[in-house]
Amino acid sequence: TGNKSPMGKLLIFNVLSEVVREFELTENEGSILWNGTD
C-alpha cells in the first residue's frame, strides 16, 4: 500500500466468535507463528 503503518491484522477467535489473539501485520508478506496462547 505504500503506508508504513500496519498493513492489516490477523485475528484468532474461538467458536463463540471471541477474539483469542490479535497480531498486527507490518509487512506485506510473512508468517505468524501462533503458540496456542491467548
PDB file of all heavy atoms in Angstrom:
ATOM      1  N   THR A   1       0.804  -1.223   0.000  1.00  0.00           N
ATOM      2  CA  THR A   1       0.000   0.000   0.000  1.00  0.00           C
ATOM      3  C   THR A   1       0.835   1.269   0.000  1.00  0.00           C
ATOM      4  O   THR A   1       0.323   2.351  -0.246  1.00  0.00           O
ATOM      5  CB  THR A   1      -0.913   0.040   1.244  1.00  0.00           C
ATOM      6  OG1 THR A   1      -0.088   0.071   2.412  1.00  0.00           O
ATOM      7  CG2 THR A   1      -1.861  -1.134   1.272  1.00  0.00           C
ATOM      8  N   GLY A   2       2.126   1.158   0.329  1.00  0.00           N
ATOM      9  CA  GLY A   2       2.957   2.346   0.412  1.00  0.00           C
ATOM     10  C   GLY A   2       2.954   2.957   1.807  1.00  0.00           C
ATOM     11  O   GLY A   2       3.784   3.787   2.125  1.00  0.00           O
ATOM     12  N   ASN A   3       2.006   2.547   2.641  1.00  0.00           N
ATOM     13  CA  ASN A   3       1.961   3.029   4.017  1.00  0.00           C
ATOM     14  C   ASN A   3       3.019   2.336   4.851  1.00  0.00           C
ATOM     15  O   ASN A   3       3.305   1.172   4.650  1.00  0.00           O
ATOM     16  CB  ASN A   3       0.595   2.737   4.660  1.00  0.00           C
ATOM     17  CG  ASN A   3      -0.457   3.721   4.250  1.00  0.00           C
ATOM     18  OD1 ASN A   3      -0.155   4.797   3.761  1.00  0.00           O
ATOM     19  ND2 ASN A   3      -1.705   3.344   4.438  1.00  0.00           N
ATOM     20  N   LYS A   4       3.559   3.049   5.813  1.00  0.00           N
ATOM     21  CA  LYS A   4       4.493   2.436   6.755  1.00  0.00           C
ATOM     22  C   LYS A   4       3.750   1.991   8.016  1.00  0.00           C
ATOM     23  O   LYS A   4       4.292   1.331   8.868  1.00  0.00           O
ATOM     24  CB  LYS A   4       5.609   3.421   7.135  1.00  0.00           C
ATOM     25  CG  LYS A   4       6.489   3.783   5.953  1.00  0.00           C
ATOM     26  CD  LYS A   4       7.207   2.573   5.411  1.00  0.00           C
ATOM     27  CE  LYS A   4       8.043   2.929   4.212  1.00  0.00           C
ATOM     28  NZ  LYS A   4       8.410   1.807   3.401  1.00  0.00           N
ATOM     29  N   SER A   5       2.491   2.370   8.124  1.00  0.00           N
ATOM     30  CA  SER A   5       1.669   1.966   9.266  1.00  0.00           C
ATOM     31  C   SER A   5       1.268   0.499   9.092  1.00  0.00           C
ATOM     32  O   SER A   5       1.532  -0.098   8.061  1.00  0.00           O
ATOM     33  CB  SER A   5       0.435   2.858   9.358  1.00  0.00           C
ATOM     34  OG  SER A   5      -0.322   2.743   8.187  1.00  0.00           O
ATOM     35  N   PRO A   6       0.607  -0.099  10.088  1.00  0.00           N
ATOM     36  CA  PRO A   6       0.199  -1.505   9.957  1.00  0.00           C
ATOM     37  C   PRO A   6      -0.572  -1.744   8.661  1.00  0.00           C
ATOM     38  O   PRO A   6      -1.424  -0.964   8.272  1.00  0.00           O
ATOM     39  CB  PRO A   6      -0.694  -1.734  11.173  1.00  0.00           C
ATOM     40  CG  PRO A   6      -0.266  -0.713  12.158  1.00  0.00           C
ATOM     41  CD  PRO A   6       0.183   0.475  11.354  1.00  0.00           C
ATOM     42  N   MET A   7      -0.224  -2.833   8.002  1.00  0.00           N
ATOM     43  CA  MET A   7      -0.851  -3.170   6.725  1.00  0.00           C
ATOM     44  C   MET A   7      -2.140  -3.948   6.925  1.00  0.00           C
ATOM     45  O   MET A   7      -2.920  -4.104   6.010  1.00  0.00           O
ATOM     46  CB  MET A   7       0.119  -3.974   5.879  1.00  0.00           C
ATOM     47  CG  MET A   7       1.402  -3.214   5.612  1.00  0.00           C
ATOM     48  SD  MET A   7       2.400  -3.998   4.372  1.00  0.00           S
ATOM     49  CE  MET A   7       1.476  -3.577   2.909  1.00  0.00           C
ATOM     50  N   GLY A   8      -2.333  -4.458   8.119  1.00  0.00           N
ATOM     51  CA  GLY A   8      -3.517  -5.251   8.408  1.00  0.00           C
ATOM     52  C   GLY A   8      -3.371  -5.944   9.741  1.00  0.00           C
ATOM     53  O   GLY A   8      -2.466  -5.631  10.518  1.00  0.00           O
ATOM     54  N   LYS A   9      -4.277  -6.880   9.984  1.00  0.00           N
ATOM     55  CA  LYS A   9      -4.177  -7.643  11.228  1.00  0.00           C
ATOM     56  C   LYS A   9      -4.676  -9.059  10.993  1.00  0.00           C
ATOM     57  O   LYS A   9      -5.443  -9.327  10.060  1.00  0.00           O
ATOM     58  CB  LYS A   9      -4.945  -6.972  12.356  1.00  0.00           C
ATOM     59  CG  LYS A   9      -6.417  -6.776  12.120  1.00  0.00           C
ATOM     60  CD  LYS A   9      -7.027  -5.999  13.274  1.00  0.00           C
ATOM     61  CE  LYS A   9      -8.460  -5.614  12.949  1.00  0.00           C
ATOM     62  NZ  LYS A   9      -9.084  -4.877  14.040  1.00  0.00           N
ATOM     63  N   LEU A  10      -4.193  -9.941  11.841  1.00  0.00           N
ATOM     64  CA  LEU A  10      -4.626 -11.319  11.834  1.00  0.00           C
ATOM     65  C   LEU A  10      -5.261 -11.593  13.188  1.00  0.00           C
ATOM     66  O   LEU A  10      -4.622 -11.394  14.220  1.00  0.00           O
ATOM     67  CB  LEU A  10      -3.446 -12.271  11.607  1.00  0.00           C
ATOM     68  CG  LEU A  10      -3.885 -13.725  11.505  1.00  0.00           C
ATOM     69  CD1 LEU A  10      -4.266 -14.054  10.066  1.00  0.00           C
ATOM     70  CD2 LEU A  10      -2.808 -14.658  11.982  1.00  0.00           C
ATOM     71  N   LEU A  11      -6.530 -11.971  13.165  1.00  0.00           N
ATOM     72  CA  LEU A  11      -7.278 -12.255  14.383  1.00  0.00           C
ATOM     73  C   LEU A  11      -7.471 -13.751  14.527  1.00  0.00           C
ATOM     74  O   LEU A  11      -7.758 -14.435  13.535  1.00  0.00           O
ATOM     75  CB  LEU A  11      -8.651 -11.590  14.343  1.00  0.00           C
ATOM     76  CG  LEU A  11      -8.672 -10.084  14.158  1.00  0.00           C
ATOM     77  CD1 LEU A  11     -10.062  -9.621  13.770  1.00  0.00           C
ATOM     78  CD2 LEU A  11      -8.224  -9.410  15.424  1.00  0.00           C
ATOM     79  N   ILE A  12      -7.338 -14.256  15.723  1.00  0.00           N
ATOM     80  CA  ILE A  12      -7.646 -15.652  16.016  1.00  0.00           C
ATOM     81  C   ILE A  12      -8.801 -15.638  16.993  1.00  0.00           C
ATOM     82  O   ILE A  12      -8.749 -14.939  18.009  1.00  0.00           O
ATOM     83  CB  ILE A  12      -6.433 -16.382  16.603  1.00  0.00           C
ATOM     84  CG1 ILE A  12      -5.297 -16.384  15.568  1.00  0.00           C
ATOM     85  CG2 ILE A  12      -6.812 -17.805  17.015  1.00  0.00           C
ATOM     86  CD1 ILE A  12      -4.006 -16.960  16.046  1.00  0.00           C
ATOM     87  N   PHE A  13      -9.863 -16.374  16.675  1.00  0.00           N
ATOM     88  CA  PHE A  13     -11.014 -16.393  17.568  1.00  0.00           C
ATOM     89  C   PHE A  13     -11.570 -17.794  17.698  1.00  0.00           C
ATOM     90  O   PHE A  13     -11.299 -18.679  16.889  1.00  0.00           O
ATOM     91  CB  PHE A  13     -12.081 -15.381  17.140  1.00  0.00           C
ATOM     92  CG  PHE A  13     -12.489 -15.449  15.700  1.00  0.00           C
ATOM     93  CD1 PHE A  13     -13.622 -16.133  15.319  1.00  0.00           C
ATOM     94  CD2 PHE A  13     -11.755 -14.807  14.713  1.00  0.00           C
ATOM     95  CE1 PHE A  13     -14.024 -16.184  13.994  1.00  0.00           C
ATOM     96  CE2 PHE A  13     -12.139 -14.853  13.383  1.00  0.00           C
ATOM     97  CZ  PHE A  13     -13.285 -15.541  13.026  1.00  0.00           C
ATOM     98  N   ASN A  14     -12.346 -17.985  18.765  1.00  0.00           N
ATOM     99  CA  ASN A  14     -12.911 -19.305  19.061  1.00  0.00           C
ATOM    100  C   ASN A  14     -14.278 -19.476  18.403  1.00  0.00           C
ATOM    101  O   ASN A  14     -14.752 -18.584  17.697  1.00  0.00           O
ATOM    102  CB  ASN A  14     -12.960 -19.536  20.579  1.00  0.00           C
ATOM    103  CG  ASN A  14     -13.823 -18.523  21.297  1.00  0.00           C
ATOM    104  OD1 ASN A  14     -14.732 -17.924  20.726  1.00  0.00           O
ATOM    105  ND2 ASN A  14     -13.551 -18.325  22.574  1.00  0.00           N
ATOM    106  N   VAL A  15     -14.923 -20.615  18.665  1.00  0.00           N
ATOM    107  CA  VAL A  15     -16.216 -20.904  18.035  1.00  0.00           C
ATOM    108  C   VAL A  15     -17.334 -19.999  18.548  1.00  0.00           C
ATOM    109  O   VAL A  15     -18.404 -19.949  17.946  1.00  0.00           O
ATOM    110  CB  VAL A  15     -16.621 -22.390  18.207  1.00  0.00           C
ATOM    111  CG1 VAL A  15     -15.659 -23.281  17.436  1.00  0.00           C
ATOM    112  CG2 VAL A  15     -16.676 -22.790  19.661  1.00  0.00           C
ATOM    113  N   LEU A  16     -17.091 -19.275  19.641  1.00  0.00           N
ATOM    114  CA  LEU A  16     -18.077 -18.315  20.149  1.00  0.00           C
ATOM    115  C   LEU A  16     -17.831 -16.913  19.588  1.00  0.00           C
ATOM    116  O   LEU A  16     -18.438 -15.949  20.042  1.00  0.00           O
ATOM    117  CB  LEU A  16     -18.023 -18.274  21.682  1.00  0.00           C
ATOM    118  CG  LEU A  16     -18.303 -19.593  22.398  1.00  0.00           C
ATOM    119  CD1 LEU A  16     -18.095 -19.440  23.901  1.00  0.00           C
ATOM    120  CD2 LEU A  16     -19.705 -20.083  22.093  1.00  0.00           C
ATOM    121  N   SER A  17     -16.926 -16.812  18.614  1.00  0.00           N
ATOM    122  CA  SER A  17     -16.543 -15.541  17.977  1.00  0.00           C
ATOM    123  C   SER A  17     -15.832 -14.585  18.926  1.00  0.00           C
ATOM    124  O   SER A  17     -15.807 -13.381  18.686  1.00  0.00           O
ATOM    125  CB  SER A  17     -17.757 -14.845  17.343  1.00  0.00           C
ATOM    126  OG  SER A  17     -18.292 -15.652  16.323  1.00  0.00           O
ATOM    127  N   GLU A  18     -15.248 -15.111  19.993  1.00  0.00           N
ATOM    128  CA  GLU A  18     -14.469 -14.288  20.918  1.00  0.00           C
ATOM    129  C   GLU A  18     -13.026 -14.243  20.424  1.00  0.00           C
ATOM    130  O   GLU A  18     -12.436 -15.276  20.125  1.00  0.00           O
ATOM    131  CB  GLU A  18     -14.504 -14.894  22.327  1.00  0.00           C
ATOM    132  CG  GLU A  18     -15.889 -14.986  22.907  1.00  0.00           C
ATOM    133  CD  GLU A  18     -15.958 -15.852  24.154  1.00  0.00           C
ATOM    134  OE1 GLU A  18     -15.158 -16.800  24.283  1.00  0.00           O
ATOM    135  OE2 GLU A  18     -16.833 -15.575  24.996  1.00  0.00           O
ATOM    136  N   VAL A  19     -12.469 -13.006  20.335  1.00  0.00           N
ATOM    137  CA  VAL A  19     -11.091 -12.865  19.885  1.00  0.00           C
ATOM    138  C   VAL A  19     -10.167 -13.420  20.962  1.00  0.00           C
ATOM    139  O   VAL A  19     -10.227 -13.018  22.118  1.00  0.00           O
ATOM    140  CB  VAL A  19     -10.746 -11.397  19.569  1.00  0.00           C
ATOM    141  CG1 VAL A  19      -9.268 -11.251  19.240  1.00  0.00           C
ATOM    142  CG2 VAL A  19     -11.603 -10.883  18.430  1.00  0.00           C
ATOM    143  N   VAL A  20      -9.340 -14.374  20.566  1.00  0.00           N
ATOM    144  CA  VAL A  20      -8.394 -15.027  21.467  1.00  0.00           C
ATOM    145  C   VAL A  20      -7.044 -14.324  21.408  1.00  0.00           C
ATOM    146  O   VAL A  20      -6.390 -14.111  22.421  1.00  0.00           O
ATOM    147  CB  VAL A  20      -8.245 -16.519  21.072  1.00  0.00           C
ATOM    148  CG1 VAL A  20      -7.141 -17.192  21.849  1.00  0.00           C
ATOM    149  CG2 VAL A  20      -9.556 -17.256  21.247  1.00  0.00           C
ATOM    150  N   ARG A  21      -6.648 -13.938  20.199  1.00  0.00           N
ATOM    151  CA  ARG A  21      -5.343 -13.315  19.987  1.00  0.00           C
ATOM    152  C   ARG A  21      -5.415 -12.425  18.765  1.00  0.00           C
ATOM    153  O   ARG A  21      -6.168 -12.706  17.834  1.00  0.00           O
ATOM    154  CB  ARG A  21      -4.310 -14.421  19.790  1.00  0.00           C
ATOM    155  CG  ARG A  21      -2.875 -14.022  19.787  1.00  0.00           C
ATOM    156  CD  ARG A  21      -2.321 -13.910  21.215  1.00  0.00           C
ATOM    157  NE  ARG A  21      -0.970 -13.436  21.183  1.00  0.00           N
ATOM    158  CZ  ARG A  21       0.108 -14.213  21.222  1.00  0.00           C
ATOM    159  NH1 ARG A  21      -0.021 -15.511  21.316  1.00  0.00           N
ATOM    160  NH2 ARG A  21       1.304 -13.681  21.190  1.00  0.00           N
ATOM    161  N   GLU A  22      -4.627 -11.360  18.745  1.00  0.00           N
ATOM    162  CA  GLU A  22      -4.586 -10.444  17.605  1.00  0.00           C
ATOM    163  C   GLU A  22      -3.134 -10.112  17.286  1.00  0.00           C
ATOM    164  O   GLU A  22      -2.346  -9.842  18.184  1.00  0.00           O
ATOM    165  CB  GLU A  22      -5.352  -9.165  17.932  1.00  0.00           C
ATOM    166  CG  GLU A  22      -5.430  -8.200  16.789  1.00  0.00           C
ATOM    167  CD  GLU A  22      -6.319  -6.999  17.086  1.00  0.00           C
ATOM    168  OE1 GLU A  22      -7.298  -7.154  17.821  1.00  0.00           O
ATOM    169  OE2 GLU A  22      -6.013  -5.917  16.558  1.00  0.00           O
ATOM    170  N   PHE A  23      -2.795 -10.164  16.005  1.00  0.00           N
ATOM    171  CA  PHE A  23      -1.451  -9.840  15.544  1.00  0.00           C
ATOM    172  C   PHE A  23      -1.525  -8.671  14.576  1.00  0.00           C
ATOM    173  O   PHE A  23      -2.316  -8.691  13.640  1.00  0.00           O
ATOM    174  CB  PHE A  23      -0.817 -11.037  14.820  1.00  0.00           C
ATOM    175  CG  PHE A  23      -0.619 -12.245  15.694  1.00  0.00           C
ATOM    176  CD1 PHE A  23      -1.606 -13.216  15.783  1.00  0.00           C
ATOM    177  CD2 PHE A  23       0.548 -12.407  16.418  1.00  0.00           C
ATOM    178  CE1 PHE A  23      -1.429 -14.337  16.576  1.00  0.00           C
ATOM    179  CE2 PHE A  23       0.737 -13.528  17.215  1.00  0.00           C
ATOM    180  CZ  PHE A  23      -0.259 -14.494  17.291  1.00  0.00           C
ATOM    181  N   GLU A  24      -0.691  -7.660  14.787  1.00  0.00           N
ATOM    182  CA  GLU A  24      -0.586  -6.528  13.880  1.00  0.00           C
ATOM    183  C   GLU A  24       0.387  -6.908  12.771  1.00  0.00           C
ATOM    184  O   GLU A  24       1.495  -7.379  13.048  1.00  0.00           O
ATOM    185  CB  GLU A  24      -0.072  -5.315  14.651  1.00  0.00           C
ATOM    186  CG  GLU A  24      -0.044  -4.043  13.860  1.00  0.00           C
ATOM    187  CD  GLU A  24       0.397  -2.884  14.729  1.00  0.00           C
ATOM    188  OE1 GLU A  24      -0.460  -2.337  15.443  1.00  0.00           O
ATOM    189  OE2 GLU A  24       1.598  -2.551  14.683  1.00  0.00           O
ATOM    190  N   LEU A  25      -0.005  -6.711  11.526  1.00  0.00           N
ATOM    191  CA  LEU A  25       0.833  -7.079  10.390  1.00  0.00           C
ATOM    192  C   LEU A  25       1.502  -5.831   9.839  1.00  0.00           C
ATOM    193  O   LEU A  25       0.829  -4.916   9.376  1.00  0.00           O
ATOM    194  CB  LEU A  25      -0.008  -7.761   9.311  1.00  0.00           C
ATOM    195  CG  LEU A  25      -0.827  -8.965   9.786  1.00  0.00           C
ATOM    196  CD1 LEU A  25      -1.676  -9.518   8.648  1.00  0.00           C
ATOM    197  CD2 LEU A  25       0.068 -10.039  10.366  1.00  0.00           C
ATOM    198  N   THR A  26       2.819  -5.782   9.913  1.00  0.00           N
ATOM    199  CA  THR A  26       3.571  -4.611   9.463  1.00  0.00           C
ATOM    200  C   THR A  26       4.322  -4.869   8.161  1.00  0.00           C
ATOM    201  O   THR A  26       4.900  -3.950   7.603  1.00  0.00           O
ATOM    202  CB  THR A  26       4.572  -4.168  10.543  1.00  0.00           C
ATOM    203  OG1 THR A  26       5.436  -5.271  10.844  1.00  0.00           O
ATOM    204  CG2 THR A  26       3.837  -3.725  11.808  1.00  0.00           C
ATOM    205  N   GLU A  27       4.309  -6.100   7.684  1.00  0.00           N
ATOM    206  CA  GLU A  27       4.955  -6.463   6.426  1.00  0.00           C
ATOM    207  C   GLU A  27       3.884  -6.906   5.436  1.00  0.00           C
ATOM    208  O   GLU A  27       2.860  -7.451   5.825  1.00  0.00           O
ATOM    209  CB  GLU A  27       5.947  -7.609   6.642  1.00  0.00           C
ATOM    210  CG  GLU A  27       7.039  -7.303   7.647  1.00  0.00           C
ATOM    211  CD  GLU A  27       8.010  -6.238   7.159  1.00  0.00           C
ATOM    212  OE1 GLU A  27       8.273  -6.186   5.937  1.00  0.00           O
ATOM    213  OE2 GLU A  27       8.492  -5.460   7.991  1.00  0.00           O
ATOM    214  N   ASN A  28       4.138  -6.712   4.136  1.00  0.00           N
ATOM    215  CA  ASN A  28       3.132  -7.113   3.151  1.00  0.00           C
ATOM    216  C   ASN A  28       3.143  -8.618   2.886  1.00  0.00           C
ATOM    217  O   ASN A  28       2.217  -9.147   2.291  1.00  0.00           O
ATOM    218  CB  ASN A  28       3.305  -6.345   1.840  1.00  0.00           C
ATOM    219  CG  ASN A  28       4.564  -6.719   1.103  1.00  0.00           C
ATOM    220  OD1 ASN A  28       5.623  -6.860   1.701  1.00  0.00           O
ATOM    221  ND2 ASN A  28       4.463  -6.865  -0.194  1.00  0.00           N
ATOM    222  N   GLU A  29       4.156  -9.313   3.390  1.00  0.00           N
ATOM    223  CA  GLU A  29       4.218 -10.764   3.242  1.00  0.00           C
ATOM    224  C   GLU A  29       4.949 -11.330   4.446  1.00  0.00           C
ATOM    225  O   GLU A  29       5.950 -10.775   4.888  1.00  0.00           O
ATOM    226  CB  GLU A  29       4.977 -11.117   1.957  1.00  0.00           C
ATOM    227  CG  GLU A  29       5.036 -12.568   1.650  1.00  0.00           C
ATOM    228  CD  GLU A  29       5.666 -12.843   0.294  1.00  0.00           C
ATOM    229  OE1 GLU A  29       5.815 -11.908  -0.520  1.00  0.00           O
ATOM    230  OE2 GLU A  29       6.015 -14.011   0.058  1.00  0.00           O
ATOM    231  N   GLY A  30       4.429 -12.427   4.989  1.00  0.00           N
ATOM    232  CA  GLY A  30       5.105 -13.004   6.135  1.00  0.00           C
ATOM    233  C   GLY A  30       4.359 -14.181   6.718  1.00  0.00           C
ATOM    234  O   GLY A  30       3.443 -14.737   6.102  1.00  0.00           O
ATOM    235  N   SER A  31       4.781 -14.528   7.930  1.00  0.00           N
ATOM    236  CA  SER A  31       4.207 -15.653   8.655  1.00  0.00           C
ATOM    237  C   SER A  31       3.962 -15.261  10.092  1.00  0.00           C
ATOM    238  O   SER A  31       4.721 -14.488  10.670  1.00  0.00           O
ATOM    239  CB  SER A  31       5.167 -16.840   8.649  1.00  0.00           C
ATOM    240  OG  SER A  31       5.426 -17.271   7.347  1.00  0.00           O
ATOM    241  N   ILE A  32       2.912 -15.816  10.647  1.00  0.00           N
ATOM    242  CA  ILE A  32       2.615 -15.676  12.067  1.00  0.00           C
ATOM    243  C   ILE A  32       2.778 -17.065  12.671  1.00  0.00           C
ATOM    244  O   ILE A  32       2.242 -18.034  12.141  1.00  0.00           O
ATOM    245  CB  ILE A  32       1.171 -15.173  12.297  1.00  0.00           C
ATOM    246  CG1 ILE A  32       0.978 -13.784  11.695  1.00  0.00           C
ATOM    247  CG2 ILE A  32       0.803 -15.214  13.765  1.00  0.00           C
ATOM    248  CD1 ILE A  32       1.793 -12.687  12.333  1.00  0.00           C
ATOM    249  N   LEU A  33       3.509 -17.151  13.752  1.00  0.00           N
ATOM    250  CA  LEU A  33       3.624 -18.413  14.476  1.00  0.00           C
ATOM    251  C   LEU A  33       2.783 -18.264  15.739  1.00  0.00           C
ATOM    252  O   LEU A  33       3.072 -17.423  16.586  1.00  0.00           O
ATOM    253  CB  LEU A  33       5.082 -18.702  14.830  1.00  0.00           C
ATOM    254  CG  LEU A  33       5.342 -20.056  15.474  1.00  0.00           C
ATOM    255  CD1 LEU A  33       4.989 -21.181  14.505  1.00  0.00           C
ATOM    256  CD2 LEU A  33       6.791 -20.185  15.894  1.00  0.00           C
ATOM    257  N   TRP A  34       1.704 -19.052  15.816  1.00  0.00           N
ATOM    258  CA  TRP A  34       0.815 -18.991  16.980  1.00  0.00           C
ATOM    259  C   TRP A  34       1.079 -20.202  17.855  1.00  0.00           C
ATOM    260  O   TRP A  34       1.013 -21.339  17.401  1.00  0.00           O
ATOM    261  CB  TRP A  34      -0.650 -18.937  16.573  1.00  0.00           C
ATOM    262  CG  TRP A  34      -1.580 -18.789  17.734  1.00  0.00           C
ATOM    263  CD1 TRP A  34      -1.466 -17.910  18.780  1.00  0.00           C
ATOM    264  CD2 TRP A  34      -2.760 -19.542  17.990  1.00  0.00           C
ATOM    265  NE1 TRP A  34      -2.503 -18.062  19.652  1.00  0.00           N
ATOM    266  CE2 TRP A  34      -3.319 -19.066  19.198  1.00  0.00           C
ATOM    267  CE3 TRP A  34      -3.411 -20.574  17.317  1.00  0.00           C
ATOM    268  CZ2 TRP A  34      -4.486 -19.583  19.735  1.00  0.00           C
ATOM    269  CZ3 TRP A  34      -4.574 -21.082  17.860  1.00  0.00           C
ATOM    270  CH2 TRP A  34      -5.102 -20.587  19.051  1.00  0.00           C
ATOM    271  N   ASN A  35       1.360 -19.934  19.117  1.00  0.00           N
ATOM    272  CA  ASN A  35       1.706 -20.999  20.054  1.00  0.00           C
ATOM    273  C   ASN A  35       0.520 -21.475  20.894  1.00  0.00           C
ATOM    274  O   ASN A  35       0.714 -22.115  21.929  1.00  0.00           O
ATOM    275  CB  ASN A  35       2.848 -20.546  20.969  1.00  0.00           C
ATOM    276  CG  ASN A  35       2.480 -19.328  21.799  1.00  0.00           C
ATOM    277  OD1 ASN A  35       1.373 -18.817  21.702  1.00  0.00           O
ATOM    278  ND2 ASN A  35       3.409 -18.856  22.600  1.00  0.00           N
ATOM    279  N   GLY A  36      -0.692 -21.159  20.475  1.00  0.00           N
ATOM    280  CA  GLY A  36      -1.876 -21.644  21.178  1.00  0.00           C
ATOM    281  C   GLY A  36      -2.167 -20.933  22.480  1.00  0.00           C
ATOM    282  O   GLY A  36      -2.833 -21.483  23.352  1.00  0.00           O
ATOM    283  N   THR A  37      -1.691 -19.682  22.600  1.00  0.00           N
ATOM    284  CA  THR A  37      -1.968 -18.908  23.811  1.00  0.00           C
ATOM    285  C   THR A  37      -2.884 -17.733  23.483  1.00  0.00           C
ATOM    286  O   THR A  37      -2.921 -17.259  22.352  1.00  0.00           O
ATOM    287  CB  THR A  37      -0.669 -18.368  24.461  1.00  0.00           C
ATOM    288  OG1 THR A  37       0.021 -17.547  23.518  1.00  0.00           O
ATOM    289  CG2 THR A  37       0.231 -19.513  24.913  1.00  0.00           C
ATOM    290  N   ASP A  38      -3.592 -17.266  24.513  1.00  0.00           N
ATOM    291  CA  ASP A  38      -4.479 -16.113  24.329  1.00  0.00           C
ATOM    292  C   ASP A  38      -3.696 -14.820  24.529  1.00  0.00           C
ATOM    293  O   ASP A  38      -2.478 -14.836  24.732  1.00  0.00           O
ATOM    294  CB  ASP A  38      -5.700 -16.222  25.246  1.00  0.00           C
ATOM    295  CG  ASP A  38      -5.365 -16.126  26.727  1.00  0.00           C
ATOM    296  OD1 ASP A  38      -4.221 -15.734  27.101  1.00  0.00           O
ATOM    297  OD2 ASP A  38      -6.245 -16.447  27.543  1.00  0.00           O
TER     298      ASP A  38
END
